[in-house]
Protein backbone atom coordinates (compact mmCIF):
# COMPACT_ATOMS: atom_id res chain seq x y z
CA UNK A 1 55.31 -86.86 94.82
CA UNK A 2 53.05 -83.96 94.20
CA UNK A 3 53.98 -81.32 91.71
CA UNK A 4 52.49 -77.87 91.73
CA UNK A 5 51.91 -76.22 88.41
CA UNK A 6 53.58 -72.83 88.14
CA UNK A 7 51.11 -70.03 88.74
CA UNK A 8 50.82 -67.41 86.05
CA UNK A 9 49.77 -63.92 86.92
CA UNK A 10 48.02 -61.52 84.63
CA UNK A 11 50.09 -58.34 84.35
CA UNK A 12 48.43 -55.42 86.04
CA UNK A 13 47.81 -52.56 83.63
CA UNK A 14 49.98 -49.54 84.34
CA UNK A 15 46.98 -47.38 85.09
CA UNK A 16 45.74 -49.87 87.75
CA UNK A 17 49.02 -50.38 89.62
CA UNK A 18 49.30 -48.94 93.13
CA UNK A 19 50.43 -45.34 92.96
CA UNK A 20 49.63 -45.08 89.27
CA UNK A 21 48.96 -41.58 87.99
CA UNK A 22 45.28 -40.85 87.53
CA UNK A 23 44.33 -39.22 84.23
CA UNK A 24 47.92 -39.31 83.01
CA UNK A 25 47.05 -37.63 79.71
CA UNK A 26 46.03 -34.54 81.67
CA UNK A 27 49.35 -34.53 83.54
CA UNK A 28 51.21 -34.76 80.23
CA UNK A 29 49.05 -32.02 78.71
CA UNK A 30 49.71 -29.66 81.63
CA UNK A 31 53.42 -30.42 81.41
CA UNK A 32 53.43 -29.60 77.68
CA UNK A 33 51.72 -26.29 78.37
CA UNK A 34 54.03 -25.33 81.25
CA UNK A 35 57.18 -26.22 79.30
CA UNK A 36 56.04 -24.06 76.40
CA UNK A 37 55.12 -21.15 78.65
CA UNK A 38 58.65 -21.22 80.09
CA UNK A 39 60.18 -21.24 76.61
CA UNK A 40 61.66 -17.77 76.09
CA UNK A 41 61.66 -18.07 72.29
CA UNK A 42 57.96 -18.97 72.28
CA UNK A 43 57.06 -16.07 74.55
CA UNK A 44 59.13 -13.58 72.57
CA UNK A 45 57.68 -14.69 69.23
CA UNK A 46 54.15 -14.43 70.64
CA UNK A 47 54.76 -10.94 72.02
CA UNK A 48 56.35 -9.82 68.74
CA UNK A 49 53.34 -11.08 66.79
CA UNK A 50 50.95 -9.30 69.17
CA UNK A 51 52.96 -6.09 68.77
CA UNK A 52 52.88 -6.45 64.97
CA UNK A 53 49.10 -6.92 64.99
CA UNK A 54 48.61 -3.87 67.19
CA UNK A 55 51.04 -1.80 65.14
CA UNK A 56 49.44 -2.86 61.87
CA UNK A 57 45.98 -1.84 63.05
CA UNK A 58 47.33 1.42 64.46
CA UNK A 59 49.14 2.33 61.26
CA UNK A 60 46.12 1.41 59.15
CA UNK A 61 43.85 3.49 61.36
CA UNK A 62 46.24 6.44 61.28
CA UNK A 63 46.54 6.57 57.52
CA UNK A 64 42.84 5.80 57.10
CA UNK A 65 41.79 8.73 59.26
CA UNK A 66 44.42 11.23 58.13
CA UNK A 67 43.20 14.08 55.94
CA UNK A 68 45.21 15.96 53.34
CA UNK A 69 44.90 19.66 52.56
CA UNK A 70 46.15 20.35 49.03
CA UNK A 71 47.12 23.87 48.01
CA UNK A 72 47.20 24.82 44.33
CA UNK A 73 48.67 27.99 42.82
CA UNK A 74 46.48 29.65 40.15
CA UNK A 75 46.92 32.88 38.15
CA UNK A 76 43.41 33.57 36.84
CA UNK A 77 39.73 33.08 37.60
CA UNK A 78 39.41 30.00 35.41
CA UNK A 79 42.18 28.28 37.36
CA UNK A 80 40.37 29.11 40.59
CA UNK A 81 37.15 27.66 39.17
CA UNK A 82 38.95 24.44 38.25
CA UNK A 83 40.51 24.21 41.72
CA UNK A 84 37.05 24.62 43.28
CA UNK A 85 35.72 21.80 41.10
CA UNK A 86 38.69 19.63 42.18
CA UNK A 87 37.82 20.36 45.81
CA UNK A 88 34.30 19.05 45.26
CA UNK A 89 35.72 15.87 43.75
CA UNK A 90 38.18 15.05 46.55
CA UNK A 91 35.68 15.87 49.31
CA UNK A 92 32.85 13.82 47.79
CA UNK A 93 33.96 10.60 49.56
CA UNK A 94 33.85 12.18 53.06
CA UNK A 95 37.59 11.60 53.48
CA UNK A 96 38.13 15.13 54.78
CA UNK A 97 40.63 15.98 52.02
CA UNK A 98 40.45 19.42 50.46
CA UNK A 99 41.86 21.53 47.63
CA UNK A 100 42.47 25.23 48.21
CA UNK A 101 43.46 27.72 45.51
CA UNK A 102 46.08 30.44 46.14
CA UNK A 103 46.27 33.34 43.65
CA UNK A 104 49.59 34.51 42.17
CA UNK A 105 50.37 37.30 39.74
CA UNK A 106 51.86 35.24 36.93
CA UNK A 107 53.15 31.82 35.92
CA UNK A 108 56.70 32.56 37.12
CA UNK A 109 55.47 33.45 40.62
CA UNK A 110 53.34 30.30 40.73
CA UNK A 111 56.33 28.13 39.72
CA UNK A 112 58.51 29.78 42.37
CA UNK A 113 55.86 29.02 45.00
CA UNK A 114 55.93 25.35 43.99
CA UNK A 115 59.74 25.25 44.11
CA UNK A 116 59.74 26.91 47.55
CA UNK A 117 57.20 24.42 48.91
CA UNK A 118 54.57 27.10 49.58
CA UNK A 119 52.01 25.18 47.50
CA UNK A 120 51.67 21.54 46.46
CA UNK A 121 51.18 22.24 42.76
CA UNK A 122 50.39 24.98 40.26
CA UNK A 123 47.65 24.90 37.63
CA UNK A 124 48.70 26.98 34.61
CA UNK A 125 46.93 27.59 31.32
CA UNK A 126 48.94 27.12 28.14
CA UNK A 127 46.51 28.55 25.60
CA UNK A 128 45.56 25.17 24.15
CA UNK A 129 45.39 23.28 27.44
CA UNK A 130 46.50 23.19 31.06
CA UNK A 131 49.68 22.17 32.87
CA UNK A 132 49.92 20.83 36.41
CA UNK A 133 53.30 21.87 37.82
CA UNK A 134 54.85 19.95 40.73
CA UNK A 135 58.24 20.06 42.42
CA UNK A 136 59.52 16.48 42.46
CA UNK A 137 56.09 14.87 42.06
CA UNK A 138 52.37 15.63 42.07
CA UNK A 139 50.14 13.83 44.57
CA UNK A 140 48.24 11.14 42.70
CA UNK A 141 44.87 12.06 44.16
CA UNK A 142 45.39 15.77 43.57
CA UNK A 143 46.56 15.22 40.00
CA UNK A 144 43.56 13.01 39.23
CA UNK A 145 41.11 15.51 40.73
CA UNK A 146 42.63 18.46 38.82
CA UNK A 147 42.61 16.50 35.57
CA UNK A 148 38.94 15.56 35.96
CA UNK A 149 38.07 19.12 36.98
CA UNK A 150 39.83 20.53 33.91
CA UNK A 151 37.90 18.15 31.65
CA UNK A 152 34.56 19.04 33.25
CA UNK A 153 35.24 22.80 33.14
CA UNK A 154 36.43 22.82 29.54
CA UNK A 155 33.50 20.66 28.49
CA UNK A 156 31.08 23.10 30.09
CA UNK A 157 32.72 26.06 28.36
CA UNK A 158 32.72 24.34 24.98
CA UNK A 159 29.09 23.32 25.38
CA UNK A 160 28.08 26.93 26.07
CA UNK A 161 30.06 28.09 23.04
CA UNK A 162 28.22 25.55 20.87
CA UNK A 163 24.84 26.62 22.19
CA UNK A 164 24.14 23.38 24.02
CA UNK A 165 24.59 21.97 27.52
CA UNK A 166 26.94 19.54 29.14
CA UNK A 167 24.05 17.22 29.97
CA UNK A 168 23.10 16.98 26.29
CA UNK A 169 26.68 16.35 25.23
CA UNK A 170 27.21 13.60 27.80
CA UNK A 171 23.78 12.01 27.54
CA UNK A 172 24.06 8.21 27.66
CA UNK A 173 27.70 8.21 28.76
CA UNK A 174 27.13 7.51 32.45
CA UNK A 175 28.87 4.35 33.65
CA UNK A 176 28.02 2.70 36.97
CA UNK A 177 29.59 -0.32 38.65
CA UNK A 178 27.53 -3.12 40.16
CA UNK A 179 29.11 -5.82 42.34
CA UNK A 180 27.14 -9.01 42.82
CA UNK A 181 28.99 -9.89 46.04
CA UNK A 182 29.07 -6.56 47.86
CA UNK A 183 31.13 -3.40 47.69
CA UNK A 184 34.80 -3.07 46.83
CA UNK A 185 35.88 -2.32 50.39
CA UNK A 186 34.25 -5.51 51.63
CA UNK A 187 35.85 -7.55 48.84
CA UNK A 188 39.26 -6.22 49.89
CA UNK A 189 38.54 -7.02 53.52
CA UNK A 190 37.51 -10.55 52.54
CA UNK A 191 40.87 -11.12 50.89
CA UNK A 192 42.74 -9.71 53.88
CA UNK A 193 40.82 -11.80 56.43
CA UNK A 194 41.18 -14.90 54.25
CA UNK A 195 44.93 -14.36 54.20
CA UNK A 196 44.91 -13.95 58.00
CA UNK A 197 43.02 -17.25 58.43
CA UNK A 198 45.47 -19.07 56.18
CA UNK A 199 48.52 -17.47 57.80
CA UNK A 200 47.39 -18.27 61.36
CA UNK A 201 46.65 -21.89 60.44
CA UNK A 202 50.01 -22.25 58.71
CA UNK A 203 52.00 -20.73 61.56
CA UNK A 204 50.23 -22.67 64.31
CA UNK A 205 50.46 -25.97 62.43
CA UNK A 206 54.16 -25.54 61.72
CA UNK A 207 55.22 -24.13 65.10
CA UNK A 208 53.23 -26.43 67.36
CA UNK A 209 53.33 -29.46 65.06
CA UNK A 210 57.11 -29.42 64.85
CA UNK A 211 57.28 -28.77 68.59
CA UNK A 212 55.34 -32.00 69.21
CA UNK A 213 57.57 -33.99 66.86
CA UNK A 214 60.75 -32.55 68.38
CA UNK A 215 59.52 -33.25 71.92
CA UNK A 216 58.74 -36.89 71.10
CA UNK A 217 62.09 -37.34 69.36
CA UNK A 218 64.04 -35.84 72.27
CA UNK A 219 62.27 -38.04 74.80
CA UNK A 220 63.00 -41.04 72.60
CA UNK A 221 66.69 -40.14 72.17
CA UNK A 222 67.18 -39.41 75.88
CA UNK A 223 65.26 -42.59 76.82
CA UNK A 224 62.99 -40.49 79.00
CA UNK A 225 60.01 -42.15 77.35
CA UNK A 226 61.14 -45.50 78.77
CA UNK A 227 60.93 -44.08 82.29
CA UNK A 228 57.55 -42.51 81.59
CA UNK A 229 56.28 -45.81 80.18
CA UNK A 230 56.72 -47.44 83.60
CA UNK A 231 54.32 -44.94 85.16
CA UNK A 232 51.70 -44.23 82.51
CA UNK A 233 50.38 -45.99 79.40
CA UNK A 234 52.23 -45.02 76.23
CA UNK A 235 49.06 -43.98 74.44
CA UNK A 236 48.35 -41.50 77.24
CA UNK A 237 51.59 -39.72 76.30
CA UNK A 238 50.22 -39.24 72.80
CA UNK A 239 46.87 -37.98 74.06
CA UNK A 240 48.54 -35.55 76.46
CA UNK A 241 50.84 -34.10 73.83
CA UNK A 242 48.01 -33.66 71.35
CA UNK A 243 45.70 -32.04 73.91
CA UNK A 244 48.39 -29.81 75.45
CA UNK A 245 49.64 -28.41 72.18
CA UNK A 246 46.12 -28.04 70.79
CA UNK A 247 45.22 -25.92 73.83
CA UNK A 248 48.34 -23.83 73.36
CA UNK A 249 47.67 -23.27 69.66
CA UNK A 250 44.05 -22.32 70.31
CA UNK A 251 45.03 -19.97 73.15
CA UNK A 252 47.59 -18.24 70.95
CA UNK A 253 45.10 -17.69 68.14
CA UNK A 254 42.49 -16.49 70.65
CA UNK A 255 45.05 -14.00 71.99
CA UNK A 256 45.71 -12.66 68.52
CA UNK A 257 41.97 -12.37 67.87
CA UNK A 258 41.37 -10.47 71.12
CA UNK A 259 44.22 -8.07 70.38
CA UNK A 260 42.88 -7.54 66.87
CA UNK A 261 39.33 -6.85 68.06
CA UNK A 262 40.52 -4.46 70.75
CA UNK A 263 42.64 -2.64 68.18
CA UNK A 264 39.73 -2.38 65.75
CA UNK A 265 37.50 -1.01 68.51
CA UNK A 266 40.10 1.57 69.45
CA UNK A 267 40.51 2.51 65.78
CA UNK A 268 36.73 2.86 65.50
CA UNK A 269 36.32 0.35 62.66
CA UNK A 270 34.85 -2.60 64.59
CA UNK A 271 31.32 -1.70 63.50
CA UNK A 272 32.25 -2.29 59.85
CA UNK A 273 33.39 -5.90 60.29
CA UNK A 274 30.54 -7.57 62.14
CA UNK A 275 30.03 -9.88 59.15
CA UNK A 276 33.47 -11.40 59.80
CA UNK A 277 32.59 -12.75 63.25
CA UNK A 278 30.50 -15.68 62.00
CA UNK A 279 33.27 -16.97 59.73
CA UNK A 280 35.82 -16.36 62.49
CA UNK A 281 33.83 -18.55 64.89
CA UNK A 282 33.74 -21.36 62.37
CA UNK A 283 37.45 -20.91 61.73
CA UNK A 284 38.24 -21.49 65.41
CA UNK A 285 36.14 -24.66 65.49
CA UNK A 286 37.63 -25.97 62.25
CA UNK A 287 41.11 -25.05 63.44
CA UNK A 288 40.79 -27.07 66.65
CA UNK A 289 39.57 -30.20 64.89
CA UNK A 290 42.05 -29.91 62.03
CA UNK A 291 44.96 -29.25 64.36
CA UNK A 292 44.17 -32.35 66.44
CA UNK A 293 44.53 -34.44 63.28
CA UNK A 294 47.83 -32.79 62.40
CA UNK A 295 49.12 -33.03 65.97
CA UNK A 296 48.58 -36.79 66.05
CA UNK A 297 50.52 -37.18 62.80
CA UNK A 298 53.40 -34.99 64.01
CA UNK A 299 53.66 -37.03 67.22
CA UNK A 300 53.87 -40.23 65.20
CA UNK A 301 56.53 -38.74 62.91
CA UNK A 302 58.61 -37.90 65.97
CA UNK A 303 58.29 -41.47 67.26
CA UNK A 304 59.31 -42.93 63.89
CA UNK A 305 62.50 -40.84 63.68
CA UNK A 306 65.79 -41.62 65.38
CA UNK A 307 67.61 -38.38 64.49
CA UNK A 308 66.67 -34.82 63.66
CA UNK A 309 67.62 -35.51 60.04
CA UNK A 310 65.00 -38.27 59.90
CA UNK A 311 62.38 -35.87 61.20
CA UNK A 312 63.23 -33.30 58.55
CA UNK A 313 62.79 -35.86 55.79
CA UNK A 314 59.63 -37.66 56.92
CA UNK A 315 57.57 -34.51 57.54
CA UNK A 316 57.39 -33.73 53.81
CA UNK A 317 53.88 -35.14 53.17
CA UNK A 318 52.27 -33.44 56.18
CA UNK A 319 53.99 -30.16 55.27
CA UNK A 320 52.47 -30.57 51.81
CA UNK A 321 48.97 -30.86 53.30
CA UNK A 322 49.55 -27.70 55.36
CA UNK A 323 50.77 -25.83 52.29
CA UNK A 324 47.74 -26.97 50.26
CA UNK A 325 45.43 -25.71 53.02
CA UNK A 326 47.28 -22.39 53.11
CA UNK A 327 47.22 -21.85 49.35
CA UNK A 328 43.57 -22.91 49.15
CA UNK A 329 42.70 -20.20 51.67
CA UNK A 330 44.66 -17.52 49.83
CA UNK A 331 44.25 -18.31 46.14
CA UNK A 332 41.36 -20.76 45.59
CA UNK A 333 38.08 -19.39 44.21
CA UNK A 334 34.87 -20.71 42.72
CA UNK A 335 34.52 -24.46 42.26
CA UNK A 336 38.07 -25.14 43.47
CA UNK A 337 37.36 -23.39 46.79
CA UNK A 338 34.06 -25.25 47.15
CA UNK A 339 35.77 -28.62 46.65
CA UNK A 340 38.61 -27.69 49.02
CA UNK A 341 36.07 -26.75 51.70
CA UNK A 342 35.09 -30.44 51.96
CA UNK A 343 38.60 -31.92 52.02
CA UNK A 344 39.49 -32.82 55.64
CA UNK A 345 42.17 -30.57 57.21
CA UNK A 346 42.29 -28.39 54.07
CA UNK A 347 38.71 -27.40 54.91
CA UNK A 348 39.99 -25.90 58.17
CA UNK A 349 40.98 -22.87 56.10
CA UNK A 350 38.94 -23.26 52.91
CA UNK A 351 35.47 -23.40 54.49
CA UNK A 352 35.83 -20.28 56.70
CA UNK A 353 37.34 -18.38 53.76
CA UNK A 354 34.46 -19.48 51.55
CA UNK A 355 31.99 -18.29 54.20
CA UNK A 356 33.52 -14.82 53.99
CA UNK A 357 32.52 -14.41 50.36
CA UNK A 358 29.41 -16.59 50.03
CA UNK A 359 26.14 -17.23 51.80
CA UNK A 360 26.91 -20.82 52.73
CA UNK A 361 23.97 -22.86 54.13
CA UNK A 362 24.58 -23.98 57.74
CA UNK A 363 24.53 -27.67 56.82
CA UNK A 364 27.59 -27.33 54.58
CA UNK A 365 30.12 -26.28 57.27
CA UNK A 366 28.48 -28.81 59.61
CA UNK A 367 29.05 -31.64 57.13
CA UNK A 368 32.58 -30.46 56.38
CA UNK A 369 33.37 -30.25 60.08
CA UNK A 370 32.00 -33.75 60.63
CA UNK A 371 34.27 -35.10 57.88
CA UNK A 372 37.28 -33.42 59.45
CA UNK A 373 36.31 -34.70 62.92
CA UNK A 374 36.03 -38.28 61.64
CA UNK A 375 39.40 -37.92 59.93
CA UNK A 376 40.94 -36.55 63.13
CA UNK A 377 39.54 -39.47 65.14
CA UNK A 378 40.86 -42.05 62.69
CA UNK A 379 44.29 -40.40 62.58
CA UNK A 380 44.48 -40.29 66.38
CA UNK A 381 43.57 -43.98 66.63
CA UNK A 382 46.02 -44.94 63.88
CA UNK A 383 48.64 -42.69 65.44
CA UNK A 384 48.07 -44.39 68.78
CA UNK A 385 48.87 -47.81 67.29
CA UNK A 386 52.00 -46.58 65.51
CA UNK A 387 53.17 -44.43 68.44
CA UNK A 388 52.97 -47.26 70.98
CA UNK A 389 55.10 -49.48 68.78
CA UNK A 390 57.65 -46.97 67.49
CA UNK A 391 58.43 -44.67 70.40
CA UNK A 392 60.35 -47.34 72.35
CA UNK A 393 62.35 -48.47 69.31
CA UNK A 394 65.70 -46.69 69.18
CA UNK A 395 68.68 -46.81 66.87
CA UNK A 396 66.99 -46.62 63.49
CA UNK A 397 64.22 -44.76 61.74
CA UNK A 398 61.02 -46.63 60.99
CA UNK A 399 58.28 -46.37 58.42
CA UNK A 400 54.59 -46.50 59.28
CA UNK A 401 54.35 -50.06 57.89
CA UNK A 402 57.39 -51.25 59.82
CA UNK A 403 56.06 -49.78 63.04
CA UNK A 404 52.67 -51.47 62.65
CA UNK A 405 54.38 -54.84 62.30
CA UNK A 406 56.10 -54.51 65.66
CA UNK A 407 54.71 -56.11 68.78
CA UNK A 408 53.43 -53.81 71.51
């Protein structure tokens, strides 16, 4: 009697089975993009943000270009002289503002003109000084200019009475300001752009990261992932979700940047911010690499959860990393900012912000980016192992260690 040993067959990998989907990660990525583009809430929030950017630039340009014509009531020649000196002060910065004196017969008439709104303020002598009269308030710039003009005029008169000159009296009193890192306007712009970098990173990481986690959890709860697993390798699901949402996040930030640049060109201020473009380019590169690392972690967190409540509790550490990156971009300075610019993921904000305020050698962002890229690669590979084991396990939440102990 002849016995035939049972024949064992090597399972055919999913990707090699007849009819298997080619490049399944790309199919998943396209699906992620299309689902998001059909999400009304996502589209509305994007349009609202674009409108806010455009409105913010428009309002800033309007107030920045608006000129103010101040009118001041005076009752004598000295008051007119002071008003003329105030005009020179407010027009010295090429803002287009002006101060014009209007003569009145006496103090009472000047006060009535202020009360009636015919003039912005009145400059009246009191015998031992001067009074600036306003209705409900005096414009800060006008009040400062008049005060300085009064001081300069009185000083000149007193110097002549003492037989000397103003130059002799004020010799050695000149104070100038020197900034080692550029002018004040640029320093303000650095802080604003740094805040924008941090805010964009925070919003994209939270919005798209949580979207990945929620998508994985829903597919796990609805058992859709079990159906997908019969057609494509599980790890390809992870790759597709990471790639799709990374593309969406990058496209959204690129849209905001384009709207901002167009607005600045329309407002006529684009020529003043050319120095920002280099740091902005690095920010985009750092953002892509850093977001890939975060996306892999969010996908794993979704696979580990069994309910929405689990997801809310196990995202604490990754939220902490995002918050650290955000605060580093907004508040860190000096040595702390330098150190943060080399910490993977945190450097996605810290290094571009640092490049706004310092002349950073090219090798430093290159090294920092390489560290972040290595971290992203390791997190994706670790996430792949955890994701393949956890996403098909329903009923209870898992930890990273428990998931790694499961058989694939």
